[in-house]
Amino acid sequence: MSEEHPSPFPTAFLLDTSFLRTIGGTESDAYQIFIQYVKAEDVQLYLTPGVVEEVSEQRGYISIDWVDRADTTEWITLLDGVQPGVRVHDGPRAGEVMDRVHERLAEFEQTPPDELRKTDSELPAAAVMLLGSTPHESVGILIDDRNAERAISGVIHNTFYDGRVRIISIWDAIEHMES
């Protein structure tokens, strides 16, 4: 987690596939801590279209059907596609954030951009949309992927979204939720 933030711990989280895979099933302590916190603190969870696609492809590797949970619970929402023109105050547009993250991630992964999925780069763009269309003061991106974390952080650093879009690793999130 970053050192200082202009807002309290997020009340909205975008969930990355890597986070969902790492948190485990209903029997894991991390899952129990996470779900108890979400319910107790009235936190809203969001899944982007890219994450929904990856989760559907990886059903055997992810213990919980999070897409089904989105259909049956009030605290998980399936988002529509990214609206590239959305921006908040003087921050970059969602599409610009997505493109820049995708370029940085391609460099980190040493993969041509057209061969790299846009799942990770759509997360901060979706966060921009949530900041612009919901009352959330900050949106957390729960992720367990160092390259994606670095790419997203590098793009939002020194913009309006710095501290409002928060990249949080699974273990930092669980540690905060336990305390």
N, C-alpha and C. Protein backbone atom coordinates (compact mmCIF):
# COMPACT_ATOMS: atom_id res chain seq x y z
N MET A 1 0.84 -1.18 0.00
CA MET A 1 0.00 0.00 0.00
C MET A 1 0.88 1.23 0.00
N SER A 2 0.37 2.31 -0.57
CA SER A 2 1.09 3.57 -0.56
C SER A 2 1.10 4.15 0.84
N GLU A 3 2.01 5.11 1.08
CA GLU A 3 2.19 5.65 2.42
C GLU A 3 0.99 6.48 2.89
N GLU A 4 0.68 7.54 2.18
CA GLU A 4 -0.38 8.44 2.60
C GLU A 4 -1.48 8.49 1.55
N HIS A 5 -2.72 8.54 1.99
CA HIS A 5 -3.85 8.61 1.08
C HIS A 5 -4.78 9.72 1.52
N PRO A 6 -5.39 10.43 0.56
CA PRO A 6 -6.30 11.51 0.92
C PRO A 6 -7.64 11.01 1.44
N SER A 7 -7.89 9.72 1.39
CA SER A 7 -9.18 9.19 1.84
C SER A 7 -8.96 7.93 2.67
N PRO A 8 -9.98 7.51 3.40
CA PRO A 8 -9.86 6.29 4.21
C PRO A 8 -9.77 5.04 3.31
N PHE A 9 -9.60 3.87 3.95
CA PHE A 9 -9.54 2.62 3.20
C PHE A 9 -10.76 2.55 2.28
N PRO A 10 -10.59 2.15 1.03
CA PRO A 10 -11.69 2.19 0.05
C PRO A 10 -12.95 1.45 0.49
N THR A 11 -14.07 1.97 0.03
CA THR A 11 -15.36 1.32 0.25
C THR A 11 -15.82 0.62 -1.03
N ALA A 12 -14.97 0.65 -2.05
CA ALA A 12 -15.23 -0.04 -3.31
C ALA A 12 -13.95 -0.71 -3.75
N PHE A 13 -14.07 -1.95 -4.21
CA PHE A 13 -12.92 -2.69 -4.69
C PHE A 13 -13.21 -3.32 -6.04
N LEU A 14 -12.27 -3.15 -6.96
CA LEU A 14 -12.27 -3.90 -8.20
C LEU A 14 -11.41 -5.13 -7.94
N LEU A 15 -11.92 -6.28 -8.29
CA LEU A 15 -11.23 -7.54 -8.02
C LEU A 15 -10.55 -8.05 -9.28
N ASP A 16 -9.24 -8.28 -9.20
CA ASP A 16 -8.51 -8.85 -10.32
C ASP A 16 -8.58 -10.37 -10.24
N THR A 17 -8.43 -11.02 -11.37
CA THR A 17 -8.44 -12.48 -11.41
C THR A 17 -7.36 -13.06 -10.51
N SER A 18 -6.20 -12.42 -10.49
CA SER A 18 -5.10 -12.92 -9.64
C SER A 18 -5.49 -12.90 -8.17
N PHE A 19 -6.21 -11.89 -7.75
CA PHE A 19 -6.69 -11.80 -6.36
C PHE A 19 -7.68 -12.94 -6.08
N LEU A 20 -8.62 -13.13 -6.99
CA LEU A 20 -9.64 -14.17 -6.79
C LEU A 20 -9.02 -15.56 -6.73
N ARG A 21 -7.99 -15.78 -7.53
CA ARG A 21 -7.31 -17.08 -7.54
C ARG A 21 -6.54 -17.29 -6.23
N THR A 22 -5.89 -16.22 -5.73
CA THR A 22 -5.05 -16.33 -4.54
C THR A 22 -5.85 -16.42 -3.25
N ILE A 23 -7.00 -15.78 -3.18
CA ILE A 23 -7.75 -15.72 -1.92
C ILE A 23 -8.29 -17.08 -1.51
N GLY A 24 -8.48 -17.96 -2.47
CA GLY A 24 -8.92 -19.31 -2.12
C GLY A 24 -10.42 -19.43 -1.96
N GLY A 25 -10.83 -20.60 -1.52
CA GLY A 25 -12.26 -20.90 -1.37
C GLY A 25 -12.78 -20.57 0.00
N THR A 26 -14.00 -20.97 0.24
CA THR A 26 -14.70 -20.63 1.48
C THR A 26 -14.02 -21.17 2.72
N GLU A 27 -13.16 -22.17 2.57
CA GLU A 27 -12.47 -22.76 3.71
C GLU A 27 -11.23 -21.98 4.12
N SER A 28 -10.73 -21.09 3.25
CA SER A 28 -9.48 -20.38 3.57
C SER A 28 -9.74 -19.24 4.55
N ASP A 29 -8.77 -19.01 5.41
CA ASP A 29 -8.87 -17.91 6.38
C ASP A 29 -8.94 -16.57 5.66
N ALA A 30 -8.14 -16.40 4.59
CA ALA A 30 -8.13 -15.13 3.86
C ALA A 30 -9.52 -14.83 3.29
N TYR A 31 -10.17 -15.83 2.72
CA TYR A 31 -11.52 -15.65 2.18
C TYR A 31 -12.49 -15.24 3.28
N GLN A 32 -12.45 -15.92 4.40
CA GLN A 32 -13.36 -15.63 5.51
C GLN A 32 -13.16 -14.20 6.04
N ILE A 33 -11.92 -13.81 6.22
CA ILE A 33 -11.61 -12.45 6.70
C ILE A 33 -12.12 -11.42 5.70
N PHE A 34 -11.86 -11.67 4.42
CA PHE A 34 -12.28 -10.75 3.37
C PHE A 34 -13.80 -10.59 3.33
N ILE A 35 -14.52 -11.68 3.28
CA ILE A 35 -15.98 -11.62 3.17
C ILE A 35 -16.60 -11.00 4.43
N GLN A 36 -16.10 -11.34 5.61
CA GLN A 36 -16.61 -10.74 6.84
C GLN A 36 -16.41 -9.22 6.83
N TYR A 37 -15.25 -8.78 6.37
CA TYR A 37 -14.96 -7.34 6.30
C TYR A 37 -15.90 -6.66 5.30
N VAL A 38 -16.04 -7.25 4.12
CA VAL A 38 -16.91 -6.69 3.08
C VAL A 38 -18.32 -6.49 3.61
N LYS A 39 -18.84 -7.49 4.28
CA LYS A 39 -20.21 -7.42 4.80
C LYS A 39 -20.32 -6.44 5.97
N ALA A 40 -19.36 -6.48 6.90
CA ALA A 40 -19.42 -5.62 8.09
C ALA A 40 -19.24 -4.14 7.74
N GLU A 41 -18.39 -3.85 6.76
CA GLU A 41 -18.08 -2.46 6.42
C GLU A 41 -18.90 -1.94 5.25
N ASP A 42 -19.84 -2.75 4.75
CA ASP A 42 -20.69 -2.35 3.63
C ASP A 42 -19.86 -1.94 2.40
N VAL A 43 -18.87 -2.77 2.08
CA VAL A 43 -17.99 -2.54 0.95
C VAL A 43 -18.64 -3.10 -0.31
N GLN A 44 -18.49 -2.39 -1.42
CA GLN A 44 -19.02 -2.85 -2.70
C GLN A 44 -17.88 -3.42 -3.54
N LEU A 45 -18.09 -4.60 -4.10
CA LEU A 45 -17.10 -5.25 -4.96
C LEU A 45 -17.56 -5.16 -6.41
N TYR A 46 -16.59 -5.03 -7.31
CA TYR A 46 -16.89 -4.90 -8.74
C TYR A 46 -16.02 -5.85 -9.55
N LEU A 47 -16.62 -6.43 -10.59
CA LEU A 47 -15.91 -7.26 -11.54
C LEU A 47 -16.01 -6.62 -12.92
N THR A 48 -14.88 -6.46 -13.60
CA THR A 48 -14.88 -5.89 -14.94
C THR A 48 -15.16 -7.00 -15.96
N PRO A 49 -15.54 -6.63 -17.18
CA PRO A 49 -15.79 -7.66 -18.20
C PRO A 49 -14.58 -8.57 -18.44
N GLY A 50 -13.37 -8.01 -18.43
CA GLY A 50 -12.17 -8.83 -18.63
C GLY A 50 -11.98 -9.85 -17.53
N VAL A 51 -12.23 -9.45 -16.29
CA VAL A 51 -12.11 -10.38 -15.16
C VAL A 51 -13.18 -11.47 -15.27
N VAL A 52 -14.39 -11.08 -15.63
CA VAL A 52 -15.47 -12.07 -15.79
C VAL A 52 -15.07 -13.10 -16.85
N GLU A 53 -14.49 -12.65 -17.95
CA GLU A 53 -14.05 -13.56 -19.01
C GLU A 53 -12.96 -14.51 -18.50
N GLU A 54 -11.97 -13.95 -17.79
CA GLU A 54 -10.90 -14.79 -17.26
C GLU A 54 -11.40 -15.77 -16.22
N VAL A 55 -12.27 -15.32 -15.34
CA VAL A 55 -12.83 -16.21 -14.31
C VAL A 55 -13.60 -17.35 -14.97
N SER A 56 -14.35 -17.04 -16.02
CA SER A 56 -15.11 -18.07 -16.73
C SER A 56 -14.17 -19.10 -17.36
N GLU A 57 -13.03 -18.64 -17.88
CA GLU A 57 -12.05 -19.54 -18.49
C GLU A 57 -11.33 -20.38 -17.45
N GLN A 58 -11.20 -19.87 -16.24
CA GLN A 58 -10.39 -20.53 -15.20
C GLN A 58 -11.23 -21.15 -14.09
N ARG A 59 -12.42 -21.56 -14.39
CA ARG A 59 -13.32 -22.11 -13.36
C ARG A 59 -12.66 -23.18 -12.50
N GLY A 60 -11.84 -24.02 -13.05
CA GLY A 60 -11.20 -25.07 -12.28
C GLY A 60 -10.11 -24.57 -11.35
N TYR A 61 -9.62 -23.35 -11.58
CA TYR A 61 -8.52 -22.81 -10.78
C TYR A 61 -8.99 -21.83 -9.72
N ILE A 62 -10.23 -21.42 -9.80
CA ILE A 62 -10.79 -20.45 -8.85
C ILE A 62 -11.91 -21.15 -8.11
N SER A 63 -11.80 -21.21 -6.80
CA SER A 63 -12.68 -22.04 -5.98
C SER A 63 -14.13 -21.56 -5.92
N ILE A 64 -14.35 -20.29 -6.01
CA ILE A 64 -15.69 -19.73 -5.88
C ILE A 64 -16.14 -19.20 -7.23
N ASP A 65 -17.38 -19.37 -7.57
CA ASP A 65 -17.90 -18.79 -8.80
C ASP A 65 -18.33 -17.35 -8.51
N TRP A 66 -17.39 -16.43 -8.67
CA TRP A 66 -17.63 -15.03 -8.34
C TRP A 66 -18.66 -14.40 -9.28
N VAL A 67 -18.75 -14.87 -10.50
CA VAL A 67 -19.74 -14.33 -11.43
C VAL A 67 -21.14 -14.69 -10.94
N ASP A 68 -21.31 -15.94 -10.50
CA ASP A 68 -22.60 -16.36 -9.93
C ASP A 68 -22.91 -15.55 -8.68
N ARG A 69 -21.92 -15.32 -7.84
CA ARG A 69 -22.13 -14.51 -6.63
C ARG A 69 -22.61 -13.10 -7.00
N ALA A 70 -22.11 -12.57 -8.10
CA ALA A 70 -22.54 -11.24 -8.53
C ALA A 70 -24.02 -11.23 -8.88
N ASP A 71 -24.51 -12.35 -9.38
CA ASP A 71 -25.93 -12.46 -9.71
C ASP A 71 -26.81 -12.67 -8.48
N THR A 72 -26.22 -13.18 -7.39
CA THR A 72 -27.03 -13.57 -6.24
C THR A 72 -26.79 -12.73 -4.97
N THR A 73 -25.83 -11.81 -5.00
CA THR A 73 -25.57 -10.98 -3.83
C THR A 73 -25.64 -9.51 -4.22
N GLU A 74 -25.88 -8.68 -3.24
CA GLU A 74 -25.98 -7.24 -3.49
C GLU A 74 -24.62 -6.56 -3.45
N TRP A 75 -23.61 -7.23 -2.92
CA TRP A 75 -22.32 -6.56 -2.72
C TRP A 75 -21.30 -6.82 -3.81
N ILE A 76 -21.66 -7.52 -4.87
CA ILE A 76 -20.79 -7.68 -6.04
C ILE A 76 -21.57 -7.21 -7.26
N THR A 77 -20.93 -6.36 -8.05
CA THR A 77 -21.57 -5.81 -9.24
C THR A 77 -20.72 -6.11 -10.46
N LEU A 78 -21.38 -6.56 -11.53
CA LEU A 78 -20.70 -6.75 -12.81
C LEU A 78 -20.75 -5.42 -13.55
N LEU A 79 -19.60 -4.91 -13.95
CA LEU A 79 -19.55 -3.64 -14.66
C LEU A 79 -19.69 -3.86 -16.16
N ASP A 80 -20.22 -2.83 -16.82
CA ASP A 80 -20.24 -2.83 -18.28
C ASP A 80 -18.84 -2.45 -18.76
N GLY A 81 -18.66 -2.39 -20.06
CA GLY A 81 -17.36 -2.04 -20.63
C GLY A 81 -16.91 -0.64 -20.22
N VAL A 82 -15.63 -0.41 -20.36
CA VAL A 82 -15.04 0.89 -20.02
C VAL A 82 -15.52 1.94 -20.99
N GLN A 83 -15.88 3.08 -20.45
CA GLN A 83 -16.25 4.24 -21.26
C GLN A 83 -15.01 5.13 -21.33
N PRO A 84 -14.29 5.11 -22.46
CA PRO A 84 -12.98 5.74 -22.53
C PRO A 84 -12.96 7.25 -22.30
N GLY A 85 -14.07 7.94 -22.52
CA GLY A 85 -14.08 9.39 -22.38
C GLY A 85 -14.29 9.91 -20.97
N VAL A 86 -14.58 9.04 -20.02
CA VAL A 86 -14.86 9.47 -18.65
C VAL A 86 -13.58 9.97 -18.00
N ARG A 87 -13.72 11.07 -17.27
CA ARG A 87 -12.61 11.60 -16.48
C ARG A 87 -13.19 12.28 -15.26
N VAL A 88 -12.37 12.42 -14.22
CA VAL A 88 -12.79 13.09 -13.01
C VAL A 88 -11.86 14.29 -12.82
N HIS A 89 -12.45 15.45 -12.66
CA HIS A 89 -11.71 16.72 -12.52
C HIS A 89 -10.64 16.82 -13.60
N ASP A 90 -9.39 17.02 -13.23
CA ASP A 90 -8.35 17.18 -14.25
C ASP A 90 -7.53 15.91 -14.47
N GLY A 91 -8.06 14.78 -14.02
CA GLY A 91 -7.37 13.51 -14.23
C GLY A 91 -7.45 13.09 -15.68
N PRO A 92 -6.56 12.20 -16.11
CA PRO A 92 -6.63 11.70 -17.48
C PRO A 92 -7.92 10.90 -17.71
N ARG A 93 -8.34 10.86 -18.94
CA ARG A 93 -9.54 10.09 -19.31
C ARG A 93 -9.29 8.60 -19.08
N ALA A 94 -10.38 7.88 -18.83
CA ALA A 94 -10.29 6.44 -18.56
C ALA A 94 -9.56 5.71 -19.68
N GLY A 95 -9.85 6.06 -20.92
CA GLY A 95 -9.18 5.42 -22.06
C GLY A 95 -7.69 5.68 -22.09
N GLU A 96 -7.28 6.90 -21.72
CA GLU A 96 -5.85 7.22 -21.66
C GLU A 96 -5.16 6.39 -20.59
N VAL A 97 -5.79 6.28 -19.43
CA VAL A 97 -5.23 5.48 -18.34
C VAL A 97 -5.07 4.04 -18.80
N MET A 98 -6.10 3.51 -19.43
CA MET A 98 -6.07 2.13 -19.89
C MET A 98 -4.95 1.91 -20.91
N ASP A 99 -4.82 2.81 -21.87
CA ASP A 99 -3.79 2.67 -22.90
C ASP A 99 -2.39 2.77 -22.31
N ARG A 100 -2.17 3.72 -21.40
CA ARG A 100 -0.84 3.89 -20.80
C ARG A 100 -0.46 2.67 -19.94
N VAL A 101 -1.42 2.17 -19.16
CA VAL A 101 -1.14 0.98 -18.34
C VAL A 101 -0.82 -0.20 -19.25
N HIS A 102 -1.57 -0.34 -20.32
CA HIS A 102 -1.34 -1.46 -21.24
C HIS A 102 0.06 -1.38 -21.85
N GLU A 103 0.48 -0.18 -22.26
CA GLU A 103 1.82 0.00 -22.83
C GLU A 103 2.90 -0.34 -21.81
N ARG A 104 2.76 0.17 -20.58
CA ARG A 104 3.75 -0.11 -19.53
C ARG A 104 3.80 -1.60 -19.20
N LEU A 105 2.65 -2.22 -19.11
CA LEU A 105 2.59 -3.64 -18.79
C LEU A 105 3.25 -4.47 -19.90
N ALA A 106 3.03 -4.09 -21.14
CA ALA A 106 3.66 -4.79 -22.25
C ALA A 106 5.19 -4.70 -22.14
N GLU A 107 5.68 -3.53 -21.74
CA GLU A 107 7.13 -3.38 -21.54
C GLU A 107 7.62 -4.29 -20.42
N PHE A 108 6.92 -4.26 -19.28
CA PHE A 108 7.32 -5.10 -18.14
C PHE A 108 7.28 -6.58 -18.49
N GLU A 109 6.26 -6.99 -19.21
CA GLU A 109 6.08 -8.40 -19.56
C GLU A 109 6.91 -8.81 -20.77
N GLN A 110 7.50 -7.81 -21.45
CA GLN A 110 8.27 -8.03 -22.67
C GLN A 110 7.44 -8.81 -23.69
N THR A 111 6.23 -8.32 -23.88
CA THR A 111 5.26 -8.93 -24.79
C THR A 111 4.71 -7.84 -25.69
N PRO A 112 4.54 -8.11 -26.98
CA PRO A 112 3.93 -7.10 -27.85
C PRO A 112 2.53 -6.72 -27.32
N PRO A 113 2.20 -5.43 -27.30
CA PRO A 113 0.91 -4.98 -26.74
C PRO A 113 -0.30 -5.68 -27.35
N ASP A 114 -0.25 -5.99 -28.65
CA ASP A 114 -1.41 -6.63 -29.28
C ASP A 114 -1.56 -8.10 -28.90
N GLU A 115 -0.56 -8.67 -28.23
CA GLU A 115 -0.65 -10.05 -27.76
C GLU A 115 -1.02 -10.13 -26.28
N LEU A 116 -1.08 -8.99 -25.62
CA LEU A 116 -1.34 -8.93 -24.18
C LEU A 116 -2.81 -8.61 -23.93
N ARG A 117 -3.44 -9.39 -23.06
CA ARG A 117 -4.84 -9.12 -22.70
C ARG A 117 -4.95 -7.77 -22.02
N LYS A 118 -6.11 -7.15 -22.10
CA LYS A 118 -6.31 -5.84 -21.50
C LYS A 118 -7.00 -5.90 -20.14
N THR A 119 -7.07 -7.09 -19.57
CA THR A 119 -7.76 -7.24 -18.28
C THR A 119 -7.17 -6.35 -17.21
N ASP A 120 -5.85 -6.38 -17.02
CA ASP A 120 -5.22 -5.57 -15.98
C ASP A 120 -5.31 -4.09 -16.28
N SER A 121 -5.22 -3.71 -17.54
CA SER A 121 -5.27 -2.28 -17.87
C SER A 121 -6.69 -1.71 -17.80
N GLU A 122 -7.70 -2.57 -17.85
CA GLU A 122 -9.06 -2.05 -17.73
C GLU A 122 -9.42 -1.75 -16.28
N LEU A 123 -8.69 -2.32 -15.33
CA LEU A 123 -9.00 -2.11 -13.91
C LEU A 123 -8.90 -0.64 -13.50
N PRO A 124 -7.80 0.07 -13.77
CA PRO A 124 -7.76 1.48 -13.37
C PRO A 124 -8.73 2.35 -14.17
N ALA A 125 -9.00 1.97 -15.42
CA ALA A 125 -9.99 2.71 -16.21
C ALA A 125 -11.38 2.55 -15.58
N ALA A 126 -11.69 1.35 -15.14
CA ALA A 126 -12.97 1.12 -14.45
C ALA A 126 -13.01 1.89 -13.13
N ALA A 127 -11.87 1.99 -12.45
CA ALA A 127 -11.81 2.76 -11.20
C ALA A 127 -12.12 4.22 -11.47
N VAL A 128 -11.61 4.77 -12.56
CA VAL A 128 -11.92 6.16 -12.93
C VAL A 128 -13.42 6.31 -13.14
N MET A 129 -14.03 5.34 -13.82
CA MET A 129 -15.48 5.39 -14.04
C MET A 129 -16.24 5.36 -12.72
N LEU A 130 -15.81 4.51 -11.79
CA LEU A 130 -16.49 4.42 -10.49
C LEU A 130 -16.33 5.72 -9.69
N LEU A 131 -15.16 6.33 -9.75
CA LEU A 131 -14.96 7.61 -9.06
C LEU A 131 -15.90 8.68 -9.62
N GLY A 132 -16.13 8.61 -10.92
CA GLY A 132 -16.98 9.61 -11.56
C GLY A 132 -18.47 9.36 -11.45
N SER A 133 -18.86 8.13 -11.12
CA SER A 133 -20.28 7.81 -11.15
C SER A 133 -20.85 7.27 -9.84
N THR A 134 -20.03 7.19 -8.81
CA THR A 134 -20.48 6.68 -7.51
C THR A 134 -20.02 7.64 -6.41
N PRO A 135 -20.54 7.49 -5.21
CA PRO A 135 -20.10 8.36 -4.12
C PRO A 135 -18.80 7.93 -3.46
N HIS A 136 -18.15 6.90 -3.96
CA HIS A 136 -16.91 6.41 -3.35
C HIS A 136 -15.81 7.46 -3.48
N GLU A 137 -15.11 7.74 -2.37
CA GLU A 137 -13.99 8.68 -2.37
C GLU A 137 -12.73 8.05 -2.93
N SER A 138 -12.62 6.74 -2.81
CA SER A 138 -11.49 6.02 -3.38
C SER A 138 -11.95 4.63 -3.79
N VAL A 139 -11.23 4.09 -4.74
CA VAL A 139 -11.53 2.76 -5.25
C VAL A 139 -10.24 1.94 -5.15
N GLY A 140 -10.33 0.79 -4.53
CA GLY A 140 -9.17 -0.09 -4.43
C GLY A 140 -9.18 -1.11 -5.54
N ILE A 141 -8.00 -1.42 -6.02
CA ILE A 141 -7.84 -2.51 -6.98
C ILE A 141 -7.11 -3.61 -6.23
N LEU A 142 -7.81 -4.70 -5.95
CA LEU A 142 -7.22 -5.83 -5.24
C LEU A 142 -6.59 -6.76 -6.25
N ILE A 143 -5.28 -6.92 -6.13
CA ILE A 143 -4.52 -7.61 -7.18
C ILE A 143 -3.35 -8.36 -6.56
N ASP A 144 -2.92 -9.41 -7.23
CA ASP A 144 -1.77 -10.19 -6.81
C ASP A 144 -0.87 -10.41 -8.02
N ASP A 145 -0.42 -9.31 -8.62
CA ASP A 145 0.39 -9.33 -9.83
C ASP A 145 1.32 -8.12 -9.79
N ARG A 146 2.58 -8.35 -9.48
CA ARG A 146 3.54 -7.25 -9.29
C ARG A 146 3.70 -6.38 -10.53
N ASN A 147 3.77 -6.97 -11.72
CA ASN A 147 3.94 -6.16 -12.92
C ASN A 147 2.73 -5.25 -13.15
N ALA A 148 1.55 -5.80 -12.97
CA ALA A 148 0.34 -4.98 -13.13
C ALA A 148 0.28 -3.88 -12.07
N GLU A 149 0.64 -4.22 -10.84
CA GLU A 149 0.67 -3.21 -9.77
C GLU A 149 1.60 -2.06 -10.14
N ARG A 150 2.80 -2.39 -10.62
CA ARG A 150 3.78 -1.37 -11.00
C ARG A 150 3.29 -0.54 -12.18
N ALA A 151 2.68 -1.19 -13.16
CA ALA A 151 2.20 -0.46 -14.34
C ALA A 151 1.09 0.51 -13.96
N ILE A 152 0.14 0.06 -13.17
CA ILE A 152 -0.98 0.92 -12.76
C ILE A 152 -0.47 2.06 -11.89
N SER A 153 0.35 1.75 -10.91
CA SER A 153 0.88 2.79 -10.01
C SER A 153 1.65 3.86 -10.78
N GLY A 154 2.46 3.43 -11.74
CA GLY A 154 3.25 4.38 -12.52
C GLY A 154 2.40 5.32 -13.35
N VAL A 155 1.27 4.85 -13.82
CA VAL A 155 0.40 5.68 -14.65
C VAL A 155 -0.42 6.66 -13.81
N ILE A 156 -0.91 6.24 -12.67
CA ILE A 156 -1.76 7.14 -11.88
C ILE A 156 -0.97 8.06 -10.96
N HIS A 157 0.32 7.77 -10.77
CA HIS A 157 1.17 8.60 -9.90
C HIS A 157 1.18 10.04 -10.41
N ASN A 158 1.03 10.97 -9.48
CA ASN A 158 1.03 12.41 -9.77
C ASN A 158 -0.13 12.85 -10.67
N THR A 159 -1.23 12.11 -10.64
CA THR A 159 -2.45 12.57 -11.31
C THR A 159 -3.52 12.76 -10.23
N PHE A 160 -4.66 13.24 -10.60
CA PHE A 160 -5.78 13.41 -9.68
C PHE A 160 -6.12 12.08 -9.00
N TYR A 161 -5.87 10.97 -9.67
CA TYR A 161 -6.27 9.65 -9.15
C TYR A 161 -5.29 9.07 -8.14
N ASP A 162 -4.13 9.68 -7.99
CA ASP A 162 -3.12 9.20 -7.04
C ASP A 162 -3.71 9.25 -5.64
N GLY A 163 -3.85 8.10 -5.00
CA GLY A 163 -4.47 8.01 -3.67
C GLY A 163 -5.96 7.76 -3.72
N ARG A 164 -6.59 8.05 -4.83
CA ARG A 164 -8.01 7.79 -4.99
C ARG A 164 -8.25 6.44 -5.67
N VAL A 165 -7.33 6.07 -6.55
CA VAL A 165 -7.30 4.73 -7.12
C VAL A 165 -6.13 4.05 -6.42
N ARG A 166 -6.43 3.08 -5.60
CA ARG A 166 -5.42 2.47 -4.73
C ARG A 166 -5.18 1.03 -5.11
N ILE A 167 -3.95 0.72 -5.44
CA ILE A 167 -3.56 -0.63 -5.78
C ILE A 167 -3.15 -1.32 -4.49
N ILE A 168 -3.85 -2.38 -4.14
CA ILE A 168 -3.65 -3.03 -2.85
C ILE A 168 -3.44 -4.52 -3.08
N SER A 169 -2.33 -5.03 -2.57
CA SER A 169 -2.08 -6.47 -2.71
C SER A 169 -3.01 -7.22 -1.76
N ILE A 170 -3.22 -8.47 -2.05
CA ILE A 170 -4.12 -9.30 -1.24
C ILE A 170 -3.68 -9.32 0.22
N TRP A 171 -2.38 -9.45 0.46
CA TRP A 171 -1.92 -9.61 1.84
C TRP A 171 -1.98 -8.30 2.61
N ASP A 172 -1.76 -7.16 1.94
CA ASP A 172 -1.94 -5.87 2.60
C ASP A 172 -3.41 -5.65 2.95
N ALA A 173 -4.29 -6.06 2.04
CA ALA A 173 -5.73 -5.91 2.28
C ALA A 173 -6.17 -6.78 3.45
N ILE A 174 -5.74 -8.04 3.47
CA ILE A 174 -6.14 -8.96 4.55
C ILE A 174 -5.60 -8.45 5.89
N GLU A 175 -4.36 -7.98 5.89
CA GLU A 175 -3.77 -7.45 7.13
C GLU A 175 -4.59 -6.27 7.66
N HIS A 176 -4.99 -5.37 6.78
CA HIS A 176 -5.82 -4.23 7.21
C HIS A 176 -7.19 -4.72 7.71
N MET A 177 -7.78 -5.65 7.03
CA MET A 177 -9.11 -6.14 7.37
C MET A 177 -9.11 -6.90 8.68
N GLU A 178 -8.00 -7.54 9.01
CA GLU A 178 -7.89 -8.25 10.28
C GLU A 178 -7.79 -7.30 11.46
N SER A 179 -7.19 -6.13 11.24
CA SER A 179 -6.92 -5.22 12.37
C SER A 179 -8.09 -4.36 12.76
